[in-house]
Amino acid sequence: MVSSTTISASSASKRSPSPIPQKKIMLKVKSQQDGGEDVYKIGYGAHLKKLMDAYCTKRNLDKRTVRFIFRYKELKPRQTPAQLTMEEGDIIDIVTDQGGG
């Protein structure tokens, strides 16, 4: 099942005196466990924390147990699609830590 979510512009756009439309990019977030895929539209300069928070809230997941992977590297919340040179339709993989003992 594919669902789509739009994430609002970053706070950086609030600082500029004249409103400049921010470029948006569509990213897919795919779970490795169940193969589920969600689509998010996010500002190219917005922090990925917004996408991460939205995904965890939607899937009812604890943020501390989820890792977001892009190009074999773990994403950090303060990174942006621009910094990572992401393109329309790129896929972010989700890995959920398994509890055990």
PDB file of N, CA and C in Angstrom:
ATOM      1  N   MET A   1       0.841  -1.181   0.000  1.00  0.00           N
ATOM      2  CA  MET A   1       0.000   0.000   0.000  1.00  0.00           C
ATOM      3  C   MET A   1       0.882   1.239   0.000  1.00  0.00           C
ATOM      4  N   VAL A   2       0.584   2.194  -0.830  1.00  0.00           N
ATOM      5  CA  VAL A   2       1.341   3.435  -0.915  1.00  0.00           C
ATOM      6  C   VAL A   2       0.446   4.576  -0.464  1.00  0.00           C
ATOM      7  N   SER A   3       0.959   5.374   0.461  1.00  0.00           N
ATOM      8  CA  SER A   3       0.207   6.546   0.892  1.00  0.00           C
ATOM      9  C   SER A   3       1.089   7.766   0.718  1.00  0.00           C
ATOM     10  N   SER A   4       0.485   8.924   0.615  1.00  0.00           N
ATOM     11  CA  SER A   4       1.225  10.143   0.340  1.00  0.00           C
ATOM     12  C   SER A   4       0.976  11.180   1.422  1.00  0.00           C
ATOM     13  N   THR A   5       2.048  11.876   1.823  1.00  0.00           N
ATOM     14  CA  THR A   5       1.967  12.912   2.839  1.00  0.00           C
ATOM     15  C   THR A   5       2.791  14.108   2.379  1.00  0.00           C
ATOM     16  N   THR A   6       2.292  15.315   2.606  1.00  0.00           N
ATOM     17  CA  THR A   6       3.040  16.527   2.301  1.00  0.00           C
ATOM     18  C   THR A   6       3.524  17.131   3.598  1.00  0.00           C
ATOM     19  N   ILE A   7       4.813  17.485   3.623  1.00  0.00           N
ATOM     20  CA  ILE A   7       5.410  18.081   4.808  1.00  0.00           C
ATOM     21  C   ILE A   7       5.652  19.550   4.510  1.00  0.00           C
ATOM     22  N   SER A   8       5.280  20.425   5.454  1.00  0.00           N
ATOM     23  CA  SER A   8       5.356  21.862   5.221  1.00  0.00           C
ATOM     24  C   SER A   8       6.796  22.349   5.093  1.00  0.00           C
ATOM     25  N   ALA A   9       6.940  23.572   4.586  1.00  0.00           N
ATOM     26  CA  ALA A   9       8.244  24.181   4.316  1.00  0.00           C
ATOM     27  C   ALA A   9       9.070  24.318   5.582  1.00  0.00           C
ATOM     28  N   SER A  10      10.379  24.404   5.388  1.00  0.00           N
ATOM     29  CA  SER A  10      11.294  24.528   6.522  1.00  0.00           C
ATOM     30  C   SER A  10      11.220  25.909   7.143  1.00  0.00           C
ATOM     31  N   SER A  11      11.759  26.033   8.345  1.00  0.00           N
ATOM     32  CA  SER A  11      11.749  27.317   9.035  1.00  0.00           C
ATOM     33  C   SER A  11      12.660  28.327   8.345  1.00  0.00           C
ATOM     34  N   ALA A  12      13.588  27.864   7.513  1.00  0.00           N
ATOM     35  CA  ALA A  12      14.487  28.780   6.811  1.00  0.00           C
ATOM     36  C   ALA A  12      13.694  29.740   5.919  1.00  0.00           C
ATOM     37  N   SER A  13      12.604  29.263   5.332  1.00  0.00           N
ATOM     38  CA  SER A  13      11.824  30.118   4.453  1.00  0.00           C
ATOM     39  C   SER A  13      11.099  31.226   5.226  1.00  0.00           C
ATOM     40  N   LYS A  14      10.903  31.053   6.525  1.00  0.00           N
ATOM     41  CA  LYS A  14      10.217  32.058   7.326  1.00  0.00           C
ATOM     42  C   LYS A  14      11.106  33.280   7.569  1.00  0.00           C
ATOM     43  N   ARG A  15      12.414  33.109   7.454  1.00  0.00           N
ATOM     44  CA  ARG A  15      13.343  34.201   7.716  1.00  0.00           C
ATOM     45  C   ARG A  15      13.478  35.168   6.545  1.00  0.00           C
ATOM     46  N   SER A  16      13.186  34.716   5.345  1.00  0.00           N
ATOM     47  CA  SER A  16      13.364  35.579   4.182  1.00  0.00           C
ATOM     48  C   SER A  16      12.243  36.619   4.118  1.00  0.00           C
ATOM     49  N   PRO A  17      12.588  37.873   3.759  1.00  0.00           N
ATOM     50  CA  PRO A  17      11.594  38.935   3.733  1.00  0.00           C
ATOM     51  C   PRO A  17      10.522  38.740   2.660  1.00  0.00           C
ATOM     52  N   SER A  18      10.911  38.246   1.482  1.00  0.00           N
ATOM     53  CA  SER A  18       9.915  38.025   0.443  1.00  0.00           C
ATOM     54  C   SER A  18       9.717  36.526   0.267  1.00  0.00           C
ATOM     55  N   PRO A  19       8.469  36.078   0.241  1.00  0.00           N
ATOM     56  CA  PRO A  19       8.224  34.646   0.127  1.00  0.00           C
ATOM     57  C   PRO A  19       8.656  34.110  -1.233  1.00  0.00           C
ATOM     58  N   ILE A  20       9.589  33.174  -1.215  1.00  0.00           N
ATOM     59  CA  ILE A  20      10.064  32.526  -2.428  1.00  0.00           C
ATOM     60  C   ILE A  20       9.557  31.091  -2.378  1.00  0.00           C
ATOM     61  N   PRO A  21       8.863  30.663  -3.422  1.00  0.00           N
ATOM     62  CA  PRO A  21       8.353  29.295  -3.386  1.00  0.00           C
ATOM     63  C   PRO A  21       9.507  28.305  -3.258  1.00  0.00           C
ATOM     64  N   GLN A  22       9.386  27.414  -2.285  1.00  0.00           N
ATOM     65  CA  GLN A  22      10.436  26.443  -2.057  1.00  0.00           C
ATOM     66  C   GLN A  22      10.208  25.224  -2.939  1.00  0.00           C
ATOM     67  N   LYS A  23      11.276  24.772  -3.567  1.00  0.00           N
ATOM     68  CA  LYS A  23      11.197  23.575  -4.395  1.00  0.00           C
ATOM     69  C   LYS A  23      10.860  22.382  -3.507  1.00  0.00           C
ATOM     70  N   LYS A  24       9.928  21.579  -3.958  1.00  0.00           N
ATOM     71  CA  LYS A  24       9.530  20.379  -3.207  1.00  0.00           C
ATOM     72  C   LYS A  24      10.011  19.148  -3.961  1.00  0.00           C
ATOM     73  N   ILE A  25      10.263  18.113  -3.189  1.00  0.00           N
ATOM     74  CA  ILE A  25      10.721  16.856  -3.775  1.00  0.00           C
ATOM     75  C   ILE A  25       9.883  15.723  -3.191  1.00  0.00           C
ATOM     76  N   MET A  26       9.563  14.738  -4.011  1.00  0.00           N
ATOM     77  CA  MET A  26       8.788  13.595  -3.557  1.00  0.00           C
ATOM     78  C   MET A  26       9.754  12.452  -3.258  1.00  0.00           C
ATOM     79  N   LEU A  27       9.710  11.947  -2.015  1.00  0.00           N
ATOM     80  CA  LEU A  27      10.577  10.853  -1.587  1.00  0.00           C
ATOM     81  C   LEU A  27       9.731   9.675  -1.131  1.00  0.00           C
ATOM     82  N   LYS A  28      10.230   8.477  -1.373  1.00  0.00           N
ATOM     83  CA  LYS A  28       9.540   7.271  -0.931  1.00  0.00           C
ATOM     84  C   LYS A  28      10.265   6.727   0.292  1.00  0.00           C
ATOM     85  N   VAL A  29       9.503   6.302   1.272  1.00  0.00           N
ATOM     86  CA  VAL A  29      10.047   5.690   2.483  1.00  0.00           C
ATOM     87  C   VAL A  29       9.557   4.252   2.497  1.00  0.00           C
ATOM     88  N   LYS A  30      10.516   3.317   2.452  1.00  0.00           N
ATOM     89  CA  LYS A  30      10.166   1.904   2.313  1.00  0.00           C
ATOM     90  C   LYS A  30      10.655   1.108   3.513  1.00  0.00           C
ATOM     91  N   SER A  31       9.738   0.352   4.115  1.00  0.00           N
ATOM     92  CA  SER A  31      10.054  -0.501   5.258  1.00  0.00           C
ATOM     93  C   SER A  31      10.661  -1.809   4.778  1.00  0.00           C
ATOM     94  N   GLN A  32      11.797  -2.185   5.348  1.00  0.00           N
ATOM     95  CA  GLN A  32      12.442  -3.453   4.999  1.00  0.00           C
ATOM     96  C   GLN A  32      11.695  -4.633   5.612  1.00  0.00           C
ATOM     97  N   GLN A  33      11.005  -4.410   6.735  1.00  0.00           N
ATOM     98  CA  GLN A  33      10.326  -5.500   7.422  1.00  0.00           C
ATOM     99  C   GLN A  33       9.075  -5.968   6.682  1.00  0.00           C
ATOM    100  N   ASP A  34       8.192  -5.032   6.334  1.00  0.00           N
ATOM    101  CA  ASP A  34       6.920  -5.441   5.721  1.00  0.00           C
ATOM    102  C   ASP A  34       6.781  -5.013   4.261  1.00  0.00           C
ATOM    103  N   GLY A  35       7.766  -4.303   3.736  1.00  0.00           N
ATOM    104  CA  GLY A  35       7.714  -3.886   2.337  1.00  0.00           C
ATOM    105  C   GLY A  35       6.774  -2.724   2.077  1.00  0.00           C
ATOM    106  N   GLY A  36       6.150  -2.180   3.139  1.00  0.00           N
ATOM    107  CA  GLY A  36       5.242  -1.046   2.982  1.00  0.00           C
ATOM    108  C   GLY A  36       5.986   0.191   2.489  1.00  0.00           C
ATOM    109  N   GLU A  37       5.304   0.990   1.706  1.00  0.00           N
ATOM    110  CA  GLU A  37       5.923   2.178   1.116  1.00  0.00           C
ATOM    111  C   GLU A  37       5.027   3.393   1.294  1.00  0.00           C
ATOM    112  N   ASP A  38       5.608   4.475   1.804  1.00  0.00           N
ATOM    113  CA  ASP A  38       4.888   5.736   1.946  1.00  0.00           C
ATOM    114  C   ASP A  38       5.590   6.777   1.093  1.00  0.00           C
ATOM    115  N   VAL A  39       4.832   7.733   0.600  1.00  0.00           N
ATOM    116  CA  VAL A  39       5.393   8.806  -0.218  1.00  0.00           C
ATOM    117  C   VAL A  39       5.238  10.120   0.531  1.00  0.00           C
ATOM    118  N   TYR A  40       6.320  10.892   0.597  1.00  0.00           N
ATOM    119  CA  TYR A  40       6.316  12.178   1.289  1.00  0.00           C
ATOM    120  C   TYR A  40       6.805  13.264   0.346  1.00  0.00           C
ATOM    121  N   LYS A  41       6.137  14.407   0.405  1.00  0.00           N
ATOM    122  CA  LYS A  41       6.562  15.583  -0.352  1.00  0.00           C
ATOM    123  C   LYS A  41       7.166  16.536   0.674  1.00  0.00           C
ATOM    124  N   ILE A  42       8.429  16.895   0.471  1.00  0.00           N
ATOM    125  CA  ILE A  42       9.145  17.714   1.453  1.00  0.00           C
ATOM    126  C   ILE A  42       9.941  18.787   0.722  1.00  0.00           C
ATOM    127  N   GLY A  43      10.098  19.926   1.365  1.00  0.00           N
ATOM    128  CA  GLY A  43      10.900  20.999   0.786  1.00  0.00           C
ATOM    129  C   GLY A  43      12.334  20.544   0.595  1.00  0.00           C
ATOM    130  N   TYR A  44      12.950  20.944  -0.494  1.00  0.00           N
ATOM    131  CA  TYR A  44      14.311  20.520  -0.821  1.00  0.00           C
ATOM    132  C   TYR A  44      15.307  20.988   0.240  1.00  0.00           C
ATOM    133  N   GLY A  45      14.992  22.076   0.939  1.00  0.00           N
ATOM    134  CA  GLY A  45      15.875  22.590   1.977  1.00  0.00           C
ATOM    135  C   GLY A  45      15.387  22.291   3.388  1.00  0.00           C
ATOM    136  N   ALA A  46      14.317  21.510   3.522  1.00  0.00           N
ATOM    137  CA  ALA A  46      13.754  21.197   4.847  1.00  0.00           C
ATOM    138  C   ALA A  46      14.552  20.079   5.516  1.00  0.00           C
ATOM    139  N   HIS A  47      14.654  20.145   6.826  1.00  0.00           N
ATOM    140  CA  HIS A  47      15.349  19.093   7.571  1.00  0.00           C
ATOM    141  C   HIS A  47      14.560  17.795   7.469  1.00  0.00           C
ATOM    142  N   LEU A  48      15.278  16.695   7.341  1.00  0.00           N
ATOM    143  CA  LEU A  48      14.633  15.388   7.235  1.00  0.00           C
ATOM    144  C   LEU A  48      13.950  14.972   8.528  1.00  0.00           C
ATOM    145  N   LYS A  49      14.215  15.683   9.614  1.00  0.00           N
ATOM    146  CA  LYS A  49      13.557  15.400  10.888  1.00  0.00           C
ATOM    147  C   LYS A  49      12.035  15.437  10.710  1.00  0.00           C
ATOM    148  N   LYS A  50      11.551  16.346   9.896  1.00  0.00           N
ATOM    149  CA  LYS A  50      10.106  16.461   9.668  1.00  0.00           C
ATOM    150  C   LYS A  50       9.551  15.183   9.039  1.00  0.00           C
ATOM    151  N   LEU A  51      10.255  14.649   8.061  1.00  0.00           N
ATOM    152  CA  LEU A  51       9.843  13.417   7.412  1.00  0.00           C
ATOM    153  C   LEU A  51       9.927  12.253   8.407  1.00  0.00           C
ATOM    154  N   MET A  52      11.013  12.196   9.158  1.00  0.00           N
ATOM    155  CA  MET A  52      11.213  11.118  10.137  1.00  0.00           C
ATOM    156  C   MET A  52      10.114  11.125  11.200  1.00  0.00           C
ATOM    157  N   ASP A  53       9.816  12.307  11.717  1.00  0.00           N
ATOM    158  CA  ASP A  53       8.757  12.429  12.735  1.00  0.00           C
ATOM    159  C   ASP A  53       7.397  12.018  12.164  1.00  0.00           C
ATOM    160  N   ALA A  54       7.107  12.476  10.948  1.00  0.00           N
ATOM    161  CA  ALA A  54       5.828  12.155  10.317  1.00  0.00           C
ATOM    162  C   ALA A  54       5.701  10.649  10.098  1.00  0.00           C
ATOM    163  N   TYR A  55       6.756  10.013   9.653  1.00  0.00           N
ATOM    164  CA  TYR A  55       6.724   8.568   9.407  1.00  0.00           C
ATOM    165  C   TYR A  55       6.490   7.800  10.711  1.00  0.00           C
ATOM    166  N   CYS A  56       7.250   8.155  11.750  1.00  0.00           N
ATOM    167  CA  CYS A  56       7.130   7.448  13.034  1.00  0.00           C
ATOM    168  C   CYS A  56       5.749   7.649  13.655  1.00  0.00           C
ATOM    169  N   THR A  57       5.203   8.850  13.533  1.00  0.00           N
ATOM    170  CA  THR A  57       3.869   9.123  14.061  1.00  0.00           C
ATOM    171  C   THR A  57       2.823   8.317  13.305  1.00  0.00           C
ATOM    172  N   LYS A  58       2.918   8.324  11.980  1.00  0.00           N
ATOM    173  CA  LYS A  58       1.956   7.616  11.143  1.00  0.00           C
ATOM    174  C   LYS A  58       1.978   6.110  11.400  1.00  0.00           C
ATOM    175  N   ARG A  59       3.161   5.556  11.588  1.00  0.00           N
ATOM    176  CA  ARG A  59       3.320   4.108  11.784  1.00  0.00           C
ATOM    177  C   ARG A  59       3.323   3.704  13.260  1.00  0.00           C
ATOM    178  N   ASN A  60       3.146   4.689  14.145  1.00  0.00           N
ATOM    179  CA  ASN A  60       3.134   4.456  15.588  1.00  0.00           C
ATOM    180  C   ASN A  60       4.416   3.757  16.048  1.00  0.00           C
ATOM    181  N   LEU A  61       5.570   4.313  15.646  1.00  0.00           N
ATOM    182  CA  LEU A  61       6.867   3.753  15.986  1.00  0.00           C
ATOM    183  C   LEU A  61       7.620   4.677  16.931  1.00  0.00           C
ATOM    184  N   ASP A  62       8.433   4.099  17.789  1.00  0.00           N
ATOM    185  CA  ASP A  62       9.310   4.866  18.673  1.00  0.00           C
ATOM    186  C   ASP A  62      10.499   5.338  17.836  1.00  0.00           C
ATOM    187  N   LYS A  63      10.735   6.640  17.809  1.00  0.00           N
ATOM    188  CA  LYS A  63      11.809   7.220  16.985  1.00  0.00           C
ATOM    189  C   LYS A  63      13.177   6.639  17.313  1.00  0.00           C
ATOM    190  N   ARG A  64      13.344   6.174  18.552  1.00  0.00           N
ATOM    191  CA  ARG A  64      14.646   5.641  18.958  1.00  0.00           C
ATOM    192  C   ARG A  64      14.911   4.249  18.400  1.00  0.00           C
ATOM    193  N   THR A  65      13.887   3.600  17.852  1.00  0.00           N
ATOM    194  CA  THR A  65      14.053   2.238  17.343  1.00  0.00           C
ATOM    195  C   THR A  65      14.079   2.167  15.817  1.00  0.00           C
ATOM    196  N   VAL A  66      14.038   3.318  15.160  1.00  0.00           N
ATOM    197  CA  VAL A  66      13.973   3.352  13.702  1.00  0.00           C
ATOM    198  C   VAL A  66      15.214   4.040  13.141  1.00  0.00           C
ATOM    199  N   ARG A  67      15.787   3.433  12.103  1.00  0.00           N
ATOM    200  CA  ARG A  67      16.905   4.062  11.401  1.00  0.00           C
ATOM    201  C   ARG A  67      16.500   4.293   9.950  1.00  0.00           C
ATOM    202  N   PHE A  68      16.827   5.472   9.448  1.00  0.00           N
ATOM    203  CA  PHE A  68      16.510   5.858   8.079  1.00  0.00           C
ATOM    204  C   PHE A  68      17.813   5.774   7.274  1.00  0.00           C
ATOM    205  N   ILE A  69      17.814   4.989   6.207  1.00  0.00           N
ATOM    206  CA  ILE A  69      19.021   4.720   5.436  1.00  0.00           C
ATOM    207  C   ILE A  69      18.833   5.226   4.000  1.00  0.00           C
ATOM    208  N   PHE A  70      19.839   5.958   3.510  1.00  0.00           N
ATOM    209  CA  PHE A  70      19.835   6.419   2.119  1.00  0.00           C
ATOM    210  C   PHE A  70      21.234   6.223   1.565  1.00  0.00           C
ATOM    211  N   ARG A  71      21.330   5.521   0.447  1.00  0.00           N
ATOM    212  CA  ARG A  71      22.629   5.214  -0.170  1.00  0.00           C
ATOM    213  C   ARG A  71      23.578   4.564   0.837  1.00  0.00           C
ATOM    214  N   TYR A  72      23.061   3.596   1.567  1.00  0.00           N
ATOM    215  CA  TYR A  72      23.822   2.780   2.523  1.00  0.00           C
ATOM    216  C   TYR A  72      24.363   3.556   3.728  1.00  0.00           C
ATOM    217  N   LYS A  73      23.861   4.763   3.956  1.00  0.00           N
ATOM    218  CA  LYS A  73      24.290   5.558   5.105  1.00  0.00           C
ATOM    219  C   LYS A  73      23.079   5.962   5.927  1.00  0.00           C
ATOM    220  N   GLU A  74      23.267   5.979   7.247  1.00  0.00           N
ATOM    221  CA  GLU A  74      22.184   6.393   8.136  1.00  0.00           C
ATOM    222  C   GLU A  74      21.996   7.907   8.048  1.00  0.00           C
ATOM    223  N   LEU A  75      20.735   8.327   7.916  1.00  0.00           N
ATOM    224  CA  LEU A  75      20.423   9.747   7.820  1.00  0.00           C
ATOM    225  C   LEU A  75      20.379  10.379   9.200  1.00  0.00           C
ATOM    226  N   LYS A  76      20.746  11.654   9.240  1.00  0.00           N
ATOM    227  CA  LYS A  76      20.662  12.430  10.470  1.00  0.00           C
ATOM    228  C   LYS A  76      19.513  13.433  10.327  1.00  0.00           C
ATOM    229  N   PRO A  77      18.806  13.717  11.426  1.00  0.00           N
ATOM    230  CA  PRO A  77      17.629  14.591  11.348  1.00  0.00           C
ATOM    231  C   PRO A  77      17.897  15.984  10.780  1.00  0.00           C
ATOM    232  N   ARG A  78      19.099  16.518  10.948  1.00  0.00           N
ATOM    233  CA  ARG A  78      19.381  17.885  10.483  1.00  0.00           C
ATOM    234  C   ARG A  78      19.832  17.946   9.021  1.00  0.00           C
ATOM    235  N   GLN A  79      19.933  16.804   8.362  1.00  0.00           N
ATOM    236  CA  GLN A  79      20.289  16.801   6.950  1.00  0.00           C
ATOM    237  C   GLN A  79      19.077  17.200   6.113  1.00  0.00           C
ATOM    238  N   THR A  80      19.356  17.698   4.913  1.00  0.00           N
ATOM    239  CA  THR A  80      18.288  18.083   3.988  1.00  0.00           C
ATOM    240  C   THR A  80      18.442  17.305   2.683  1.00  0.00           C
ATOM    241  N   PRO A  81      17.368  17.191   1.909  1.00  0.00           N
ATOM    242  CA  PRO A  81      17.484  16.554   0.598  1.00  0.00           C
ATOM    243  C   PRO A  81      18.530  17.252  -0.283  1.00  0.00           C
ATOM    244  N   ALA A  82      18.645  18.563  -0.151  1.00  0.00           N
ATOM    245  CA  ALA A  82      19.626  19.308  -0.946  1.00  0.00           C
ATOM    246  C   ALA A  82      21.049  18.875  -0.600  1.00  0.00           C
ATOM    247  N   GLN A  83      21.344  18.751   0.697  1.00  0.00           N
ATOM    248  CA  GLN A  83      22.684  18.339   1.126  1.00  0.00           C
ATOM    249  C   GLN A  83      23.034  16.947   0.611  1.00  0.00           C
ATOM    250  N   LEU A  84      22.036  16.096   0.504  1.00  0.00           N
ATOM    251  CA  LEU A  84      22.254  14.713   0.087  1.00  0.00           C
ATOM    252  C   LEU A  84      22.077  14.523  -1.419  1.00  0.00           C
ATOM    253  N   THR A  85      21.860  15.612  -2.138  1.00  0.00           N
ATOM    254  CA  THR A  85      21.586  15.604  -3.584  1.00  0.00           C
ATOM    255  C   THR A  85      20.546  14.550  -3.955  1.00  0.00           C
ATOM    256  N   MET A  86      19.462  14.536  -3.182  1.00  0.00           N
ATOM    257  CA  MET A  86      18.359  13.611  -3.461  1.00  0.00           C
ATOM    258  C   MET A  86      17.614  14.078  -4.701  1.00  0.00           C
ATOM    259  N   GLU A  87      17.020  13.115  -5.381  1.00  0.00           N
ATOM    260  CA  GLU A  87      16.246  13.414  -6.578  1.00  0.00           C
ATOM    261  C   GLU A  87      14.816  12.920  -6.399  1.00  0.00           C
ATOM    262  N   GLU A  88      13.943  13.440  -7.219  1.00  0.00           N
ATOM    263  CA  GLU A  88      12.530  13.053  -7.208  1.00  0.00           C
ATOM    264  C   GLU A  88      12.403  11.534  -7.271  1.00  0.00           C
ATOM    265  N   GLY A  89      11.646  10.961  -6.326  1.00  0.00           N
ATOM    266  CA  GLY A  89      11.389   9.531  -6.338  1.00  0.00           C
ATOM    267  C   GLY A  89      12.443   8.681  -5.645  1.00  0.00           C
ATOM    268  N   ASP A  90      13.483   9.290  -5.073  1.00  0.00           N
ATOM    269  CA  ASP A  90      14.495   8.517  -4.344  1.00  0.00           C
ATOM    270  C   ASP A  90      13.844   7.763  -3.191  1.00  0.00           C
ATOM    271  N   ILE A  91      14.445   6.638  -2.825  1.00  0.00           N
ATOM    272  CA  ILE A  91      13.891   5.783  -1.774  1.00  0.00           C
ATOM    273  C   ILE A  91      14.767   5.831  -0.529  1.00  0.00           C
ATOM    274  N   ILE A  92      14.114   6.059   0.606  1.00  0.00           N
ATOM    275  CA  ILE A  92      14.763   5.982   1.915  1.00  0.00           C
ATOM    276  C   ILE A  92      14.306   4.667   2.536  1.00  0.00           C
ATOM    277  N   ASP A  93      15.265   3.846   2.931  1.00  0.00           N
ATOM    278  CA  ASP A  93      14.928   2.563   3.554  1.00  0.00           C
ATOM    279  C   ASP A  93      14.808   2.734   5.064  1.00  0.00           C
ATOM    280  N   ILE A  94      13.886   1.979   5.642  1.00  0.00           N
ATOM    281  CA  ILE A  94      13.650   2.010   7.086  1.00  0.00           C
ATOM    282  C   ILE A  94      14.087   0.674   7.666  1.00  0.00           C
ATOM    283  N   VAL A  95      14.888   0.751   8.725  1.00  0.00           N
ATOM    284  CA  VAL A  95      15.292  -0.449   9.456  1.00  0.00           C
ATOM    285  C   VAL A  95      14.842  -0.239  10.901  1.00  0.00           C
ATOM    286  N   THR A  96      14.085  -1.196  11.423  1.00  0.00           N
ATOM    287  CA  THR A  96      13.618  -1.117  12.807  1.00  0.00           C
ATOM    288  C   THR A  96      14.479  -2.028  13.657  1.00  0.00           C
ATOM    289  N   ASP A  97      15.022  -1.463  14.744  1.00  0.00           N
ATOM    290  CA  ASP A  97      15.824  -2.252  15.671  1.00  0.00           C
ATOM    291  C   ASP A  97      14.941  -3.284  16.348  1.00  0.00           C
ATOM    292  N   GLN A  98      15.458  -4.470  16.489  1.00  0.00           N
ATOM    293  CA  GLN A  98      14.726  -5.547  17.140  1.00  0.00           C
ATOM    294  C   GLN A  98      15.144  -5.644  18.606  1.00  0.00           C
ATOM    295  N   GLY A  99      14.173  -5.674  19.485  1.00  0.00           N
ATOM    296  CA  GLY A  99      14.476  -5.862  20.905  1.00  0.00           C
ATOM    297  C   GLY A  99      14.784  -7.320  21.167  1.00  0.00           C
ATOM    298  N   GLY A 100      15.556  -7.586  22.163  1.00  0.00           N
ATOM    299  CA  GLY A 100      15.865  -8.976  22.465  1.00  0.00           C
ATOM    300  C   GLY A 100      16.593  -9.089  23.800  1.00  0.00           C
ATOM    301  N   GLY A 101      16.832 -10.297  24.173  1.00  0.00           N
ATOM    302  CA  GLY A 101      17.538 -10.428  25.428  1.00  0.00           C
ATOM    303  C   GLY A 101      17.680 -11.819  25.883  1.00  0.00           C
TER     304      GLY A 101
END
